[in-house]
């Protein structure tokens, strides 16, 4: 699924995969989240409710540009650096095509379905 995404008002391209968690995120769109830095690796924000983790994809280590969901805390994460080792708690939902430096500084993200 193609998305219309803005980082601090500037548009970037993004896509979601076809996992149940990604489809659950899509059901919440449009969505605007305030982001905060986490461990100098990712920007995180909290959707209005937790996403499903049913039929989660195989664990994969997050890479710069990945959109992920950390199930224990219920937060979305935009990775601007490669993340830690693969974990069943971290579900990769898609990818955002933005310069990692832009992701590192983003304070607000707006996500909508693409027309």
PDB file of N, CA and C in Angstrom:
ATOM      1  N   UNK A   1       0.837  -1.179   0.000  1.00  0.00           N
ATOM      2  CA  UNK A   1       0.000   0.000   0.000  1.00  0.00           C
ATOM      3  C   UNK A   1       0.881   1.241   0.000  1.00  0.00           C
ATOM      4  N   UNK A   2       0.638   2.108  -0.949  1.00  0.00           N
ATOM      5  CA  UNK A   2       1.363   3.374  -1.012  1.00  0.00           C
ATOM      6  C   UNK A   2       0.755   4.350  -0.016  1.00  0.00           C
ATOM      7  N   UNK A   3       1.607   5.158   0.561  1.00  0.00           N
ATOM      8  CA  UNK A   3       1.174   6.141   1.549  1.00  0.00           C
ATOM      9  C   UNK A   3       1.563   7.541   1.108  1.00  0.00           C
ATOM     10  N   UNK A   4       0.824   8.502   1.615  1.00  0.00           N
ATOM     11  CA  UNK A   4       1.201   9.902   1.490  1.00  0.00           C
ATOM     12  C   UNK A   4       1.676  10.305   2.893  1.00  0.00           C
ATOM     13  N   UNK A   5       2.940  10.631   3.005  1.00  0.00           N
ATOM     14  CA  UNK A   5       3.559  10.902   4.301  1.00  0.00           C
ATOM     15  C   UNK A   5       4.200  12.279   4.276  1.00  0.00           C
ATOM     16  N   UNK A   6       4.082  12.985   5.385  1.00  0.00           N
ATOM     17  CA  UNK A   6       4.826  14.227   5.537  1.00  0.00           C
ATOM     18  C   UNK A   6       5.637  14.136   6.828  1.00  0.00           C
ATOM     19  N   UNK A   7       6.868  14.612   6.736  1.00  0.00           N
ATOM     20  CA  UNK A   7       7.749  14.754   7.893  1.00  0.00           C
ATOM     21  C   UNK A   7       7.911  16.244   8.120  1.00  0.00           C
ATOM     22  N   UNK A   8       7.364  16.724   9.214  1.00  0.00           N
ATOM     23  CA  UNK A   8       7.424  18.159   9.509  1.00  0.00           C
ATOM     24  C   UNK A   8       6.940  18.987   8.318  1.00  0.00           C
ATOM     25  N   UNK A   9       5.871  18.509   7.670  1.00  0.00           N
ATOM     26  CA  UNK A   9       5.251  19.242   6.572  1.00  0.00           C
ATOM     27  C   UNK A   9       5.858  18.991   5.203  1.00  0.00           C
ATOM     28  N   UNK A  10       6.950  18.238   5.112  1.00  0.00           N
ATOM     29  CA  UNK A  10       7.616  17.958   3.844  1.00  0.00           C
ATOM     30  C   UNK A  10       7.250  16.551   3.365  1.00  0.00           C
ATOM     31  N   UNK A  11       6.755  16.406   2.130  1.00  0.00           N
ATOM     32  CA  UNK A  11       6.305  15.097   1.656  1.00  0.00           C
ATOM     33  C   UNK A  11       7.462  14.134   1.363  1.00  0.00           C
ATOM     34  N   UNK A  12       7.209  12.849   1.648  1.00  0.00           N
ATOM     35  CA  UNK A  12       8.113  11.753   1.301  1.00  0.00           C
ATOM     36  C   UNK A  12       7.264  10.564   0.869  1.00  0.00           C
ATOM     37  N   UNK A  13       7.858   9.658   0.133  1.00  0.00           N
ATOM     38  CA  UNK A  13       7.170   8.453  -0.313  1.00  0.00           C
ATOM     39  C   UNK A  13       7.325   7.356   0.739  1.00  0.00           C
ATOM     40  N   UNK A  14       6.289   6.539   0.879  1.00  0.00           N
ATOM     41  CA  UNK A  14       6.353   5.413   1.807  1.00  0.00           C
ATOM     42  C   UNK A  14       5.379   4.334   1.356  1.00  0.00           C
ATOM     43  N   UNK A  15       5.638   3.117   1.801  1.00  0.00           N
ATOM     44  CA  UNK A  15       4.753   1.994   1.512  1.00  0.00           C
ATOM     45  C   UNK A  15       4.612   1.132   2.752  1.00  0.00           C
ATOM     46  N   UNK A  16       3.467   0.487   2.856  1.00  0.00           N
ATOM     47  CA  UNK A  16       3.236  -0.509   3.901  1.00  0.00           C
ATOM     48  C   UNK A  16       3.233  -1.881   3.254  1.00  0.00           C
ATOM     49  N   UNK A  17       3.674  -2.887   4.008  1.00  0.00           N
ATOM     50  CA  UNK A  17       3.591  -4.250   3.507  1.00  0.00           C
ATOM     51  C   UNK A  17       2.161  -4.772   3.729  1.00  0.00           C
ATOM     52  N   UNK A  18       1.927  -6.018   3.465  1.00  0.00           N
ATOM     53  CA  UNK A  18       0.577  -6.563   3.546  1.00  0.00           C
ATOM     54  C   UNK A  18       0.358  -7.389   4.813  1.00  0.00           C
ATOM     55  N   UNK A  19       1.104  -7.104   5.867  1.00  0.00           N
ATOM     56  CA  UNK A  19       0.943  -7.848   7.119  1.00  0.00           C
ATOM     57  C   UNK A  19      -0.329  -7.387   7.843  1.00  0.00           C
ATOM     58  N   UNK A  20      -0.885  -8.236   8.718  1.00  0.00           N
ATOM     59  CA  UNK A  20      -2.060  -7.827   9.493  1.00  0.00           C
ATOM     60  C   UNK A  20      -1.816  -6.545  10.302  1.00  0.00           C
ATOM     61  N   UNK A  21      -0.622  -6.388  10.868  1.00  0.00           N
ATOM     62  CA  UNK A  21      -0.324  -5.180  11.650  1.00  0.00           C
ATOM     63  C   UNK A  21      -0.309  -3.945  10.758  1.00  0.00           C
ATOM     64  N   UNK A  22       0.248  -4.063   9.554  1.00  0.00           N
ATOM     65  CA  UNK A  22       0.274  -2.936   8.619  1.00  0.00           C
ATOM     66  C   UNK A  22      -1.145  -2.577   8.179  1.00  0.00           C
ATOM     67  N   UNK A  23      -1.970  -3.576   7.915  1.00  0.00           N
ATOM     68  CA  UNK A  23      -3.368  -3.303   7.549  1.00  0.00           C
ATOM     69  C   UNK A  23      -4.120  -2.659   8.715  1.00  0.00           C
ATOM     70  N   UNK A  24      -3.796  -3.070   9.944  1.00  0.00           N
ATOM     71  CA  UNK A  24      -4.414  -2.463  11.123  1.00  0.00           C
ATOM     72  C   UNK A  24      -3.998  -0.998  11.241  1.00  0.00           C
ATOM     73  N   UNK A  25      -2.724  -0.708  10.992  1.00  0.00           N
ATOM     74  CA  UNK A  25      -2.271   0.689  10.985  1.00  0.00           C
ATOM     75  C   UNK A  25      -3.030   1.471   9.922  1.00  0.00           C
ATOM     76  N   UNK A  26      -3.180   0.903   8.740  1.00  0.00           N
ATOM     77  CA  UNK A  26      -3.906   1.585   7.657  1.00  0.00           C
ATOM     78  C   UNK A  26      -5.336   1.920   8.061  1.00  0.00           C
ATOM     79  N   UNK A  27      -5.941   1.086   8.909  1.00  0.00           N
ATOM     80  CA  UNK A  27      -7.315   1.349   9.347  1.00  0.00           C
ATOM     81  C   UNK A  27      -7.408   2.583  10.243  1.00  0.00           C
ATOM     82  N   UNK A  28      -6.273   3.033  10.782  1.00  0.00           N
ATOM     83  CA  UNK A  28      -6.246   4.216  11.655  1.00  0.00           C
ATOM     84  C   UNK A  28      -5.986   5.512  10.893  1.00  0.00           C
ATOM     85  N   UNK A  29      -5.686   5.394   9.610  1.00  0.00           N
ATOM     86  CA  UNK A  29      -5.315   6.575   8.826  1.00  0.00           C
ATOM     87  C   UNK A  29      -6.519   7.415   8.466  1.00  0.00           C
ATOM     88  N   UNK A  30      -6.372   8.731   8.369  1.00  0.00           N
ATOM     89  CA  UNK A  30      -5.132   9.516   8.521  1.00  0.00           C
ATOM     90  C   UNK A  30      -4.721   9.622   9.987  1.00  0.00           C
ATOM     91  N   UNK A  31      -3.437   9.780  10.193  1.00  0.00           N
ATOM     92  CA  UNK A  31      -2.868   9.782  11.528  1.00  0.00           C
ATOM     93  C   UNK A  31      -1.716  10.774  11.588  1.00  0.00           C
ATOM     94  N   UNK A  32      -1.692  11.584  12.625  1.00  0.00           N
ATOM     95  CA  UNK A  32      -0.578  12.499  12.867  1.00  0.00           C
ATOM     96  C   UNK A  32       0.002  12.170  14.226  1.00  0.00           C
ATOM     97  N   UNK A  33       1.314  11.984  14.281  1.00  0.00           N
ATOM     98  CA  UNK A  33       1.985  11.624  15.530  1.00  0.00           C
ATOM     99  C   UNK A  33       3.149  12.559  15.801  1.00  0.00           C
ATOM    100  N   UNK A  34       3.311  12.930  17.062  1.00  0.00           N
ATOM    101  CA  UNK A  34       4.509  13.634  17.500  1.00  0.00           C
ATOM    102  C   UNK A  34       5.570  12.573  17.750  1.00  0.00           C
ATOM    103  N   UNK A  35       6.793  12.858  17.320  1.00  0.00           N
ATOM    104  CA  UNK A  35       7.875  11.886  17.414  1.00  0.00           C
ATOM    105  C   UNK A  35       8.930  12.327  18.408  1.00  0.00           C
ATOM    106  N   UNK A  36       9.547  11.336  19.031  1.00  0.00           N
ATOM    107  CA  UNK A  36      10.668  11.601  19.926  1.00  0.00           C
ATOM    108  C   UNK A  36      11.801  10.645  19.574  1.00  0.00           C
ATOM    109  N   UNK A  37      13.010  11.028  19.894  1.00  0.00           N
ATOM    110  CA  UNK A  37      14.158  10.185  19.589  1.00  0.00           C
ATOM    111  C   UNK A  37      14.242   9.041  20.581  1.00  0.00           C
ATOM    112  N   UNK A  38      14.677   7.881  20.085  1.00  0.00           N
ATOM    113  CA  UNK A  38      14.884   6.736  20.961  1.00  0.00           C
ATOM    114  C   UNK A  38      16.227   6.108  20.614  1.00  0.00           C
ATOM    115  N   UNK A  39      17.130   6.110  21.563  1.00  0.00           N
ATOM    116  CA  UNK A  39      18.446   5.475  21.468  1.00  0.00           C
ATOM    117  C   UNK A  39      19.297   5.922  20.286  1.00  0.00           C
ATOM    118  N   UNK A  40      19.063   7.127  19.766  1.00  0.00           N
ATOM    119  CA  UNK A  40      19.876   7.608  18.664  1.00  0.00           C
ATOM    120  C   UNK A  40      19.790   6.735  17.424  1.00  0.00           C
ATOM    121  N   UNK A  41      18.658   6.030  17.278  1.00  0.00           N
ATOM    122  CA  UNK A  41      18.492   5.094  16.170  1.00  0.00           C
ATOM    123  C   UNK A  41      17.168   5.282  15.449  1.00  0.00           C
ATOM    124  N   UNK A  42      16.152   5.714  16.186  1.00  0.00           N
ATOM    125  CA  UNK A  42      14.805   5.768  15.630  1.00  0.00           C
ATOM    126  C   UNK A  42      14.005   6.910  16.242  1.00  0.00           C
ATOM    127  N   UNK A  43      12.959   7.311  15.520  1.00  0.00           N
ATOM    128  CA  UNK A  43      11.985   8.281  16.020  1.00  0.00           C
ATOM    129  C   UNK A  43      10.732   7.483  16.336  1.00  0.00           C
ATOM    130  N   UNK A  44      10.139   7.678  17.511  1.00  0.00           N
ATOM    131  CA  UNK A  44       8.970   6.893  17.893  1.00  0.00           C
ATOM    132  C   UNK A  44       7.776   7.791  18.204  1.00  0.00           C
ATOM    133  N   UNK A  45       6.592   7.234  18.005  1.00  0.00           N
ATOM    134  CA  UNK A  45       5.338   7.903  18.309  1.00  0.00           C
ATOM    135  C   UNK A  45       4.281   6.846  18.593  1.00  0.00           C
ATOM    136  N   UNK A  46       3.218   7.261  19.234  1.00  0.00           N
ATOM    137  CA  UNK A  46       2.205   6.316  19.705  1.00  0.00           C
ATOM    138  C   UNK A  46       0.879   6.505  18.993  1.00  0.00           C
ATOM    139  N   UNK A  47       0.429   5.478  18.254  1.00  0.00           N
ATOM    140  CA  UNK A  47      -0.903   5.554  17.646  1.00  0.00           C
ATOM    141  C   UNK A  47      -1.964   5.507  18.752  1.00  0.00           C
ATOM    142  N   UNK A  48      -3.228   5.795  18.412  1.00  0.00           N
ATOM    143  CA  UNK A  48      -4.268   5.881  19.437  1.00  0.00           C
ATOM    144  C   UNK A  48      -4.604   4.552  20.117  1.00  0.00           C
ATOM    145  N   UNK A  49      -4.196   3.443  19.534  1.00  0.00           N
ATOM    146  CA  UNK A  49      -4.415   2.138  20.167  1.00  0.00           C
ATOM    147  C   UNK A  49      -3.334   1.179  19.688  1.00  0.00           C
ATOM    148  N   UNK A  50      -3.195   0.068  20.396  1.00  0.00           N
ATOM    149  CA  UNK A  50      -2.229  -0.951  19.979  1.00  0.00           C
ATOM    150  C   UNK A  50      -2.709  -1.628  18.703  1.00  0.00           C
ATOM    151  N   UNK A  51      -1.748  -2.076  17.908  1.00  0.00           N
ATOM    152  CA  UNK A  51      -2.049  -2.779  16.660  1.00  0.00           C
ATOM    153  C   UNK A  51      -2.059  -4.283  16.892  1.00  0.00           C
ATOM    154  N   UNK A  52      -2.738  -4.988  16.016  1.00  0.00           N
ATOM    155  CA  UNK A  52      -2.753  -6.440  16.110  1.00  0.00           C
ATOM    156  C   UNK A  52      -1.357  -7.006  15.856  1.00  0.00           C
ATOM    157  N   UNK A  53      -1.059  -8.104  16.499  1.00  0.00           N
ATOM    158  CA  UNK A  53       0.191  -8.820  16.239  1.00  0.00           C
ATOM    159  C   UNK A  53      -0.117 -10.225  15.717  1.00  0.00           C
ATOM    160  N   UNK A  54      -1.360 -10.479  15.357  1.00  0.00           N
ATOM    161  CA  UNK A  54      -1.742 -11.772  14.794  1.00  0.00           C
ATOM    162  C   UNK A  54      -0.975 -12.025  13.508  1.00  0.00           C
ATOM    163  N   UNK A  55      -0.587 -13.271  13.296  1.00  0.00           N
ATOM    164  CA  UNK A  55       0.110 -13.675  12.075  1.00  0.00           C
ATOM    165  C   UNK A  55       1.280 -12.747  11.738  1.00  0.00           C
ATOM    166  N   UNK A  56       2.039 -12.401  12.754  1.00  0.00           N
ATOM    167  CA  UNK A  56       3.183 -11.496  12.560  1.00  0.00           C
ATOM    168  C   UNK A  56       4.190 -12.114  11.598  1.00  0.00           C
ATOM    169  N   UNK A  57       4.823 -11.287  10.769  1.00  0.00           N
ATOM    170  CA  UNK A  57       5.847 -11.805   9.856  1.00  0.00           C
ATOM    171  C   UNK A  57       7.060 -12.304  10.641  1.00  0.00           C
ATOM    172  N   UNK A  58       7.899 -13.036   9.952  1.00  0.00           N
ATOM    173  CA  UNK A  58       9.146 -13.508  10.566  1.00  0.00           C
ATOM    174  C   UNK A  58       9.943 -12.305  11.068  1.00  0.00           C
ATOM    175  N   UNK A  59      10.580 -12.433  12.232  1.00  0.00           N
ATOM    176  CA  UNK A  59      11.386 -11.328  12.748  1.00  0.00           C
ATOM    177  C   UNK A  59      12.494 -10.932  11.765  1.00  0.00           C
ATOM    178  N   UNK A  60      12.712  -9.638  11.667  1.00  0.00           N
ATOM    179  CA  UNK A  60      13.783  -9.101  10.832  1.00  0.00           C
ATOM    180  C   UNK A  60      14.375  -7.886  11.541  1.00  0.00           C
ATOM    181  N   UNK A  61      15.657  -7.714  11.413  1.00  0.00           N
ATOM    182  CA  UNK A  61      16.305  -6.532  11.988  1.00  0.00           C
ATOM    183  C   UNK A  61      15.884  -5.307  11.183  1.00  0.00           C
ATOM    184  N   UNK A  62      15.542  -4.240  11.879  1.00  0.00           N
ATOM    185  CA  UNK A  62      15.130  -2.999  11.206  1.00  0.00           C
ATOM    186  C   UNK A  62      16.328  -2.350  10.528  1.00  0.00           C
ATOM    187  N   UNK A  63      16.059  -1.772   9.378  1.00  0.00           N
ATOM    188  CA  UNK A  63      17.076  -1.048   8.615  1.00  0.00           C
ATOM    189  C   UNK A  63      16.645   0.413   8.498  1.00  0.00           C
ATOM    190  N   UNK A  64      17.591   1.293   8.245  1.00  0.00           N
ATOM    191  CA  UNK A  64      17.277   2.710   8.084  1.00  0.00           C
ATOM    192  C   UNK A  64      16.162   2.870   7.055  1.00  0.00           C
ATOM    193  N   UNK A  65      15.139   3.628   7.415  1.00  0.00           N
ATOM    194  CA  UNK A  65      13.989   3.854   6.550  1.00  0.00           C
ATOM    195  C   UNK A  65      12.807   2.969   6.864  1.00  0.00           C
ATOM    196  N   UNK A  66      12.999   1.941   7.680  1.00  0.00           N
ATOM    197  CA  UNK A  66      11.883   1.050   8.002  1.00  0.00           C
ATOM    198  C   UNK A  66      10.879   1.722   8.933  1.00  0.00           C
ATOM    199  N   UNK A  67       9.616   1.400   8.681  1.00  0.00           N
ATOM    200  CA  UNK A  67       8.517   1.747   9.575  1.00  0.00           C
ATOM    201  C   UNK A  67       8.227   0.466  10.343  1.00  0.00           C
ATOM    202  N   UNK A  68       8.272   0.524  11.653  1.00  0.00           N
ATOM    203  CA  UNK A  68       8.100  -0.681  12.458  1.00  0.00           C
ATOM    204  C   UNK A  68       7.143  -0.414  13.617  1.00  0.00           C
ATOM    205  N   UNK A  69       6.701  -1.500  14.229  1.00  0.00           N
ATOM    206  CA  UNK A  69       5.811  -1.439  15.389  1.00  0.00           C
ATOM    207  C   UNK A  69       6.439  -2.265  16.498  1.00  0.00           C
ATOM    208  N   UNK A  70       6.647  -1.636  17.668  1.00  0.00           N
ATOM    209  CA  UNK A  70       7.180  -2.342  18.827  1.00  0.00           C
ATOM    210  C   UNK A  70       6.003  -2.721  19.713  1.00  0.00           C
ATOM    211  N   UNK A  71       5.617  -3.985  19.635  1.00  0.00           N
ATOM    212  CA  UNK A  71       4.386  -4.463  20.263  1.00  0.00           C
ATOM    213  C   UNK A  71       4.311  -4.255  21.782  1.00  0.00           C
ATOM    214  N   UNK A  72       5.365  -4.522  22.554  1.00  0.00           N
ATOM    215  CA  UNK A  72       5.217  -4.362  24.007  1.00  0.00           C
ATOM    216  C   UNK A  72       4.828  -2.946  24.449  1.00  0.00           C
ATOM    217  N   UNK A  73       5.332  -1.939  23.748  1.00  0.00           N
ATOM    218  CA  UNK A  73       5.026  -0.552  24.127  1.00  0.00           C
ATOM    219  C   UNK A  73       3.894   0.042  23.301  1.00  0.00           C
ATOM    220  N   UNK A  74       3.596  -0.571  22.160  1.00  0.00           N
ATOM    221  CA  UNK A  74       2.534  -0.051  21.292  1.00  0.00           C
ATOM    222  C   UNK A  74       2.952   1.171  20.493  1.00  0.00           C
ATOM    223  N   UNK A  75       4.243   1.300  20.188  1.00  0.00           N
ATOM    224  CA  UNK A  75       4.699   2.482  19.445  1.00  0.00           C
ATOM    225  C   UNK A  75       5.121   2.145  18.027  1.00  0.00           C
ATOM    226  N   UNK A  76       4.967   3.141  17.148  1.00  0.00           N
ATOM    227  CA  UNK A  76       5.531   3.075  15.807  1.00  0.00           C
ATOM    228  C   UNK A  76       6.945   3.611  15.890  1.00  0.00           C
ATOM    229  N   UNK A  77       7.799   3.109  15.013  1.00  0.00           N
ATOM    230  CA  UNK A  77       9.186   3.559  14.975  1.00  0.00           C
ATOM    231  C   UNK A  77       9.591   3.807  13.534  1.00  0.00           C
ATOM    232  N   UNK A  78      10.244   4.933  13.310  1.00  0.00           N
ATOM    233  CA  UNK A  78      10.843   5.253  12.019  1.00  0.00           C
ATOM    234  C   UNK A  78      12.351   5.190  12.230  1.00  0.00           C
ATOM    235  N   UNK A  79      12.986   4.194  11.647  1.00  0.00           N
ATOM    236  CA  UNK A  79      14.425   4.003  11.855  1.00  0.00           C
ATOM    237  C   UNK A  79      15.231   4.894  10.918  1.00  0.00           C
ATOM    238  N   UNK A  80      16.145   5.664  11.499  1.00  0.00           N
ATOM    239  CA  UNK A  80      17.052   6.465  10.689  1.00  0.00           C
ATOM    240  C   UNK A  80      18.455   5.869  10.695  1.00  0.00           C
ATOM    241  N   UNK A  81      18.662   4.839  11.490  1.00  0.00           N
ATOM    242  CA  UNK A  81      19.875   4.022  11.481  1.00  0.00           C
ATOM    243  C   UNK A  81      19.414   2.569  11.530  1.00  0.00           C
ATOM    244  N   UNK A  82      20.283   1.656  11.143  1.00  0.00           N
ATOM    245  CA  UNK A  82      19.931   0.250  11.269  1.00  0.00           C
ATOM    246  C   UNK A  82      19.679  -0.062  12.738  1.00  0.00           C
ATOM    247  N   UNK A  83      18.655  -0.877  12.984  1.00  0.00           N
ATOM    248  CA  UNK A  83      18.251  -1.189  14.344  1.00  0.00           C
ATOM    249  C   UNK A  83      18.982  -2.385  14.923  1.00  0.00           C
ATOM    250  N   UNK A  84      18.495  -2.830  16.089  1.00  0.00           N
ATOM    251  CA  UNK A  84      19.104  -3.976  16.760  1.00  0.00           C
ATOM    252  C   UNK A  84      18.783  -5.275  16.015  1.00  0.00           C
ATOM    253  N   UNK A  85      19.260  -6.365  16.553  1.00  0.00           N
ATOM    254  CA  UNK A  85      19.008  -7.688  15.968  1.00  0.00           C
ATOM    255  C   UNK A  85      17.508  -7.955  15.892  1.00  0.00           C
ATOM    256  N   UNK A  86      17.135  -8.868  15.020  1.00  0.00           N
ATOM    257  CA  UNK A  86      15.732  -9.236  14.839  1.00  0.00           C
ATOM    258  C   UNK A  86      15.104  -9.647  16.168  1.00  0.00           C
ATOM    259  N   UNK A  87      13.830  -9.279  16.343  1.00  0.00           N
ATOM    260  CA  UNK A  87      13.097  -9.587  17.560  1.00  0.00           C
ATOM    261  C   UNK A  87      11.640  -9.856  17.213  1.00  0.00           C
ATOM    262  N   UNK A  88      11.036 -10.810  17.890  1.00  0.00           N
ATOM    263  CA  UNK A  88       9.610 -11.085  17.656  1.00  0.00           C
ATOM    264  C   UNK A  88       8.735  -9.936  18.128  1.00  0.00           C
ATOM    265  N   UNK A  89       9.278  -9.042  18.951  1.00  0.00           N
ATOM    266  CA  UNK A  89       8.515  -7.889  19.449  1.00  0.00           C
ATOM    267  C   UNK A  89       8.460  -6.739  18.457  1.00  0.00           C
ATOM    268  N   UNK A  90       9.346  -6.723  17.457  1.00  0.00           N
ATOM    269  CA  UNK A  90       9.430  -5.628  16.496  1.00  0.00           C
ATOM    270  C   UNK A  90       8.928  -6.115  15.139  1.00  0.00           C
ATOM    271  N   UNK A  91       7.814  -5.550  14.691  1.00  0.00           N
ATOM    272  CA  UNK A  91       7.209  -5.939  13.416  1.00  0.00           C
ATOM    273  C   UNK A  91       7.501  -4.867  12.380  1.00  0.00           C
ATOM    274  N   UNK A  92       8.130  -5.248  11.288  1.00  0.00           N
ATOM    275  CA  UNK A  92       8.393  -4.317  10.194  1.00  0.00           C
ATOM    276  C   UNK A  92       7.094  -4.162   9.406  1.00  0.00           C
ATOM    277  N   UNK A  93       6.615  -2.909   9.282  1.00  0.00           N
ATOM    278  CA  UNK A  93       5.343  -2.623   8.625  1.00  0.00           C
ATOM    279  C   UNK A  93       5.516  -2.066   7.219  1.00  0.00           C
ATOM    280  N   UNK A  94       6.665  -1.492   6.934  1.00  0.00           N
ATOM    281  CA  UNK A  94       6.868  -0.876   5.635  1.00  0.00           C
ATOM    282  C   UNK A  94       8.166  -0.115   5.593  1.00  0.00           C
ATOM    283  N   UNK A  95       8.238   0.800   4.626  1.00  0.00           N
ATOM    284  CA  UNK A  95       9.473   1.556   4.421  1.00  0.00           C
ATOM    285  C   UNK A  95       9.140   2.975   3.976  1.00  0.00           C
ATOM    286  N   UNK A  96       9.917   3.905   4.472  1.00  0.00           N
ATOM    287  CA  UNK A  96       9.762   5.308   4.108  1.00  0.00           C
ATOM    288  C   UNK A  96      11.013   5.730   3.344  1.00  0.00           C
ATOM    289  N   UNK A  97      10.812   6.333   2.196  1.00  0.00           N
ATOM    290  CA  UNK A  97      11.932   6.736   1.337  1.00  0.00           C
ATOM    291  C   UNK A  97      12.323   8.177   1.655  1.00  0.00           C
ATOM    292  N   UNK A  98      13.098   8.310   2.709  1.00  0.00           N
ATOM    293  CA  UNK A  98      13.544   9.639   3.133  1.00  0.00           C
ATOM    294  C   UNK A  98      15.005   9.555   3.548  1.00  0.00           C
ATOM    295  N   UNK A  99      15.691  10.648   3.384  1.00  0.00           N
ATOM    296  CA  UNK A  99      17.072  10.761   3.831  1.00  0.00           C
ATOM    297  C   UNK A  99      17.112  10.466   5.334  1.00  0.00           C
ATOM    298  N   UNK A 100      17.979   9.572   5.774  1.00  0.00           N
ATOM    299  CA  UNK A 100      18.064   9.266   7.198  1.00  0.00           C
ATOM    300  C   UNK A 100      18.248  10.512   8.076  1.00  0.00           C
ATOM    301  N   UNK A 101      18.956  11.523   7.580  1.00  0.00           N
ATOM    302  CA  UNK A 101      19.142  12.751   8.365  1.00  0.00           C
ATOM    303  C   UNK A 101      17.804  13.457   8.594  1.00  0.00           C
ATOM    304  N   UNK A 102      16.919  13.405   7.606  1.00  0.00           N
ATOM    305  CA  UNK A 102      15.575  13.980   7.773  1.00  0.00           C
ATOM    306  C   UNK A 102      14.770  13.206   8.802  1.00  0.00           C
ATOM    307  N   UNK A 103      14.867  11.872   8.733  1.00  0.00           N
ATOM    308  CA  UNK A 103      14.160  11.050   9.712  1.00  0.00           C
ATOM    309  C   UNK A 103      14.677  11.315  11.121  1.00  0.00           C
ATOM    310  N   UNK A 104      15.975  11.511  11.250  1.00  0.00           N
ATOM    311  CA  UNK A 104      16.584  11.722  12.561  1.00  0.00           C
ATOM    312  C   UNK A 104      16.078  12.986  13.232  1.00  0.00           C
ATOM    313  N   UNK A 105      15.712  14.000  12.442  1.00  0.00           N
ATOM    314  CA  UNK A 105      15.297  15.286  12.996  1.00  0.00           C
ATOM    315  C   UNK A 105      13.784  15.463  13.073  1.00  0.00           C
ATOM    316  N   UNK A 106      13.024  14.564  12.467  1.00  0.00           N
ATOM    317  CA  UNK A 106      11.566  14.739  12.372  1.00  0.00           C
ATOM    318  C   UNK A 106      10.913  14.820  13.753  1.00  0.00           C
ATOM    319  N   UNK A 107      10.053  15.811  13.910  1.00  0.00           N
ATOM    320  CA  UNK A 107       9.308  15.978  15.157  1.00  0.00           C
ATOM    321  C   UNK A 107       7.851  15.548  15.007  1.00  0.00           C
ATOM    322  N   UNK A 108       7.348  15.535  13.766  1.00  0.00           N
ATOM    323  CA  UNK A 108       5.953  15.191  13.535  1.00  0.00           C
ATOM    324  C   UNK A 108       5.821  14.480  12.203  1.00  0.00           C
ATOM    325  N   UNK A 109       5.017  13.434  12.194  1.00  0.00           N
ATOM    326  CA  UNK A 109       4.739  12.703  10.969  1.00  0.00           C
ATOM    327  C   UNK A 109       3.226  12.640  10.765  1.00  0.00           C
ATOM    328  N   UNK A 110       2.826  12.828   9.530  1.00  0.00           N
ATOM    329  CA  UNK A 110       1.439  12.637   9.142  1.00  0.00           C
ATOM    330  C   UNK A 110       1.416  11.545   8.093  1.00  0.00           C
ATOM    331  N   UNK A 111       0.542  10.554   8.305  1.00  0.00           N
ATOM    332  CA  UNK A 111       0.449   9.409   7.399  1.00  0.00           C
ATOM    333  C   UNK A 111      -0.979   9.322   6.888  1.00  0.00           C
ATOM    334  N   UNK A 112      -1.107   9.255   5.560  1.00  0.00           N
ATOM    335  CA  UNK A 112      -2.409   9.106   4.925  1.00  0.00           C
ATOM    336  C   UNK A 112      -2.299   8.067   3.828  1.00  0.00           C
ATOM    337  N   UNK A 113      -3.437   7.505   3.441  1.00  0.00           N
ATOM    338  CA  UNK A 113      -3.426   6.621   2.285  1.00  0.00           C
ATOM    339  C   UNK A 113      -3.218   7.484   1.045  1.00  0.00           C
ATOM    340  N   UNK A 114      -2.536   6.916   0.082  1.00  0.00           N
ATOM    341  CA  UNK A 114      -2.293   7.648  -1.168  1.00  0.00           C
ATOM    342  C   UNK A 114      -3.569   7.631  -2.002  1.00  0.00           C
ATOM    343  N   UNK A 115      -3.803   8.705  -2.760  1.00  0.00           N
ATOM    344  CA  UNK A 115      -5.014   8.737  -3.581  1.00  0.00           C
ATOM    345  C   UNK A 115      -4.963   7.720  -4.706  1.00  0.00           C
TER     346      UNK A 115
END
